[in-house]
Amino acid sequence: MASFALAPTVATRRGKELLVPRSASLPPVCMKCGTPANTPWRRKFYWHSPWLYIMILFPGLLIYVIVALIVRKQMELNLPICETHHADRKRYKLLGAIMLIGFIPVSVILGIYGSEALGWITCLVMFVAGIVFYQMSMLGLHATKIDDLGGSFRGACDTFLNQLPEQT
């Protein structure tokens, strides 16, 4: 008679890695600084096998994007963050959106009324800054693997991870 191991319902840690089963909740401690958190941040994470990146080289970027969208795994978490990090996240997201929405019109206006080189440089700087600010709004937490039982994540602070039991 076969026995099936039940998936744990408590989030655990393995070193600096956060292991979260799909039905688990996280302690009310900010995942970035370890202070008490009362603002949950609902975030959807996506992950696919790193082997798919080979598809960028052959057959190409478009095929990679289509296949990655089809085979990716997803997991939604309520991440506890403090008011300070919640405000930082909102600020970075707003700055990133302003840069990404405004880089073309600002660059065109500078290219028309200033110099063309200034327009191109501004376009590049604003686009890169927009991507950087948007990534900063994610607060550094990223999925390292997601499967049917749960996911593993990196980027939480040590104080947060120390609130969780070590996986045996």
Protein backbone atom coordinates (compact mmCIF):
# COMPACT_ATOMS: atom_id res chain seq x y z
CA MET A 1 0.00 0.00 0.00
CA ALA A 2 1.49 3.33 -1.04
CA SER A 3 1.56 6.27 1.33
CA PHE A 4 1.40 9.82 0.09
CA ALA A 5 3.27 12.59 1.87
CA LEU A 6 1.02 15.54 2.49
CA ALA A 7 2.30 18.94 1.49
CA PRO A 8 3.08 21.18 4.48
CA THR A 9 0.70 24.08 5.11
CA VAL A 10 3.30 26.25 6.84
CA ALA A 11 5.82 28.44 5.03
CA THR A 12 9.38 27.34 5.79
CA ARG A 13 12.90 28.38 4.90
CA ARG A 14 15.95 26.64 3.57
CA GLY A 15 18.91 28.92 4.11
CA LYS A 16 18.00 32.21 2.43
CA GLU A 17 15.23 30.61 0.40
CA LEU A 18 11.55 31.05 1.32
CA LEU A 19 9.44 27.93 0.67
CA VAL A 20 5.70 28.60 0.48
CA PRO A 21 3.06 25.91 -0.09
CA ARG A 22 0.03 27.11 -2.03
CA SER A 23 -2.25 27.09 1.02
CA ALA A 24 0.19 28.72 3.46
CA SER A 25 0.11 32.21 4.92
CA LEU A 26 3.13 34.28 5.88
CA PRO A 27 3.81 35.82 9.31
CA PRO A 28 2.82 39.50 9.79
CA VAL A 29 6.42 40.72 9.61
CA CYS A 30 7.75 42.92 6.80
CA MET A 31 9.60 40.70 4.34
CA LYS A 32 12.13 43.47 3.62
CA CYS A 33 13.05 44.84 7.07
CA GLY A 34 11.48 42.57 9.71
CA THR A 35 9.28 45.21 11.37
CA PRO A 36 5.59 44.51 12.10
CA ALA A 37 3.57 44.63 8.89
CA ASN A 38 -0.09 45.41 8.53
CA THR A 39 -0.25 46.02 4.78
CA PRO A 40 -0.43 42.87 2.68
CA TRP A 41 0.74 43.18 -0.90
CA ARG A 42 -1.00 40.74 -3.23
CA ARG A 43 1.43 39.78 -5.95
CA LYS A 44 1.32 37.19 -8.70
CA PHE A 45 4.62 35.44 -9.44
CA TYR A 46 5.48 33.64 -12.67
CA TRP A 47 8.21 31.09 -13.31
CA HIS A 48 9.35 28.81 -16.12
CA SER A 49 12.29 26.49 -16.50
CA PRO A 50 15.57 28.31 -17.22
CA TRP A 51 16.11 25.90 -20.10
CA LEU A 52 13.57 27.87 -22.12
CA TYR A 53 16.05 30.75 -22.47
CA ILE A 54 17.87 28.64 -25.07
CA MET A 55 14.89 29.28 -27.33
CA ILE A 56 15.91 32.95 -27.59
CA LEU A 57 18.96 31.86 -29.58
CA PHE A 58 17.08 29.33 -31.69
CA PRO A 59 14.28 29.63 -32.97
CA GLY A 60 14.02 33.24 -31.74
CA LEU A 61 12.64 35.74 -29.28
CA LEU A 62 9.04 35.68 -30.52
CA ILE A 63 8.77 31.88 -30.28
CA TYR A 64 10.40 31.99 -26.80
CA VAL A 65 7.83 34.55 -25.57
CA ILE A 66 4.90 32.49 -26.89
CA VAL A 67 6.17 29.22 -25.40
CA ALA A 68 7.09 30.89 -22.07
CA LEU A 69 3.59 32.37 -21.77
CA ILE A 70 2.06 28.95 -22.38
CA VAL A 71 4.22 26.82 -20.05
CA ARG A 72 4.86 29.23 -17.17
CA LYS A 73 3.65 28.40 -13.67
CA GLN A 74 2.05 31.05 -11.51
CA MET A 75 1.45 31.59 -7.81
CA GLU A 76 -0.24 34.42 -5.96
CA LEU A 77 0.94 35.50 -2.51
CA ASN A 78 -0.10 38.03 0.11
CA LEU A 79 3.28 39.46 1.03
CA PRO A 80 3.51 41.32 4.35
CA ILE A 81 5.26 44.69 4.03
CA CYS A 82 5.52 47.63 6.41
CA GLU A 83 4.17 51.11 5.65
CA THR A 84 7.63 52.38 4.68
CA HIS A 85 8.23 49.68 2.08
CA HIS A 86 4.63 49.95 0.87
CA ALA A 87 5.18 53.68 0.23
CA ASP A 88 8.54 52.95 -1.45
CA ARG A 89 6.90 50.38 -3.71
CA LYS A 90 4.17 52.81 -4.77
CA ARG A 91 6.69 55.60 -5.38
CA TYR A 92 8.98 53.41 -7.51
CA LYS A 93 6.04 52.10 -9.50
CA LEU A 94 4.81 55.66 -10.19
CA LEU A 95 8.28 56.85 -11.22
CA GLY A 96 8.72 53.83 -13.48
CA ALA A 97 5.34 54.43 -15.14
CA ILE A 98 6.12 58.12 -15.70
CA MET A 99 9.47 57.28 -17.27
CA LEU A 100 8.08 54.50 -19.48
CA ILE A 101 5.05 56.48 -20.63
CA GLY A 102 6.95 59.72 -21.13
CA PHE A 103 10.20 58.63 -22.74
CA ILE A 104 8.90 58.86 -26.32
CA PRO A 105 7.06 62.22 -26.17
CA VAL A 106 9.85 63.89 -24.17
CA SER A 107 12.48 62.56 -26.56
CA VAL A 108 10.51 63.72 -29.63
CA ILE A 109 10.04 67.21 -28.17
CA LEU A 110 13.74 67.45 -27.28
CA GLY A 111 14.64 66.16 -30.74
CA ILE A 112 12.48 68.80 -32.43
CA TYR A 113 13.30 71.81 -30.27
CA GLY A 114 16.78 70.82 -29.14
CA SER A 115 19.18 68.49 -30.86
CA GLU A 116 18.47 65.04 -32.25
CA ALA A 117 21.31 63.54 -30.20
CA LEU A 118 19.82 64.97 -27.01
CA GLY A 119 16.48 63.40 -27.93
CA TRP A 120 18.02 59.95 -28.43
CA ILE A 121 20.08 60.13 -25.25
CA THR A 122 17.04 61.23 -23.23
CA CYS A 123 14.98 58.44 -24.79
CA LEU A 124 17.52 55.82 -23.75
CA VAL A 125 18.06 57.22 -20.25
CA MET A 126 14.33 57.52 -19.50
CA PHE A 127 13.60 54.01 -20.83
CA VAL A 128 16.36 52.42 -18.73
CA ALA A 129 15.37 54.47 -15.66
CA GLY A 130 11.75 53.36 -16.11
CA ILE A 131 12.74 49.70 -16.19
CA VAL A 132 15.01 50.16 -13.13
CA PHE A 133 12.30 51.93 -11.12
CA TYR A 134 9.74 49.29 -12.07
CA GLN A 135 12.12 46.52 -10.94
CA MET A 136 12.74 48.41 -7.69
CA SER A 137 8.97 48.44 -7.09
CA MET A 138 9.09 44.64 -6.91
CA LEU A 139 11.19 44.98 -3.71
CA GLY A 140 13.65 42.30 -4.77
CA LEU A 141 11.52 39.20 -4.14
CA HIS A 142 11.56 36.75 -7.05
CA ALA A 143 10.49 33.17 -7.67
CA THR A 144 13.20 30.57 -8.09
CA LYS A 145 10.74 27.73 -8.75
CA ILE A 146 6.98 27.26 -8.81
CA ASP A 147 5.22 23.91 -9.13
CA ASP A 148 1.81 22.44 -8.33
CA LEU A 149 2.50 22.26 -4.57
CA GLY A 150 3.98 25.72 -4.02
CA GLY A 151 6.97 27.89 -4.74
CA SER A 152 10.41 28.90 -3.58
CA PHE A 153 11.45 32.54 -3.47
CA ARG A 154 14.56 34.64 -2.83
CA GLY A 155 14.92 38.21 -1.65
CA ALA A 156 13.32 38.23 1.82
CA CYS A 157 15.36 39.65 4.72
CA ASP A 158 16.97 37.45 7.36
CA THR A 159 14.71 38.79 10.13
CA PHE A 160 11.64 37.68 8.18
CA LEU A 161 13.16 34.29 7.35
CA ASN A 162 14.11 33.71 10.99
CA GLN A 163 10.39 33.87 11.89
CA LEU A 164 9.87 30.69 9.85
CA PRO A 165 10.82 27.13 10.76
CA GLU A 166 13.81 25.60 9.01
CA GLN A 167 12.84 22.89 6.52
CA THR A 168 14.05 19.49 7.62
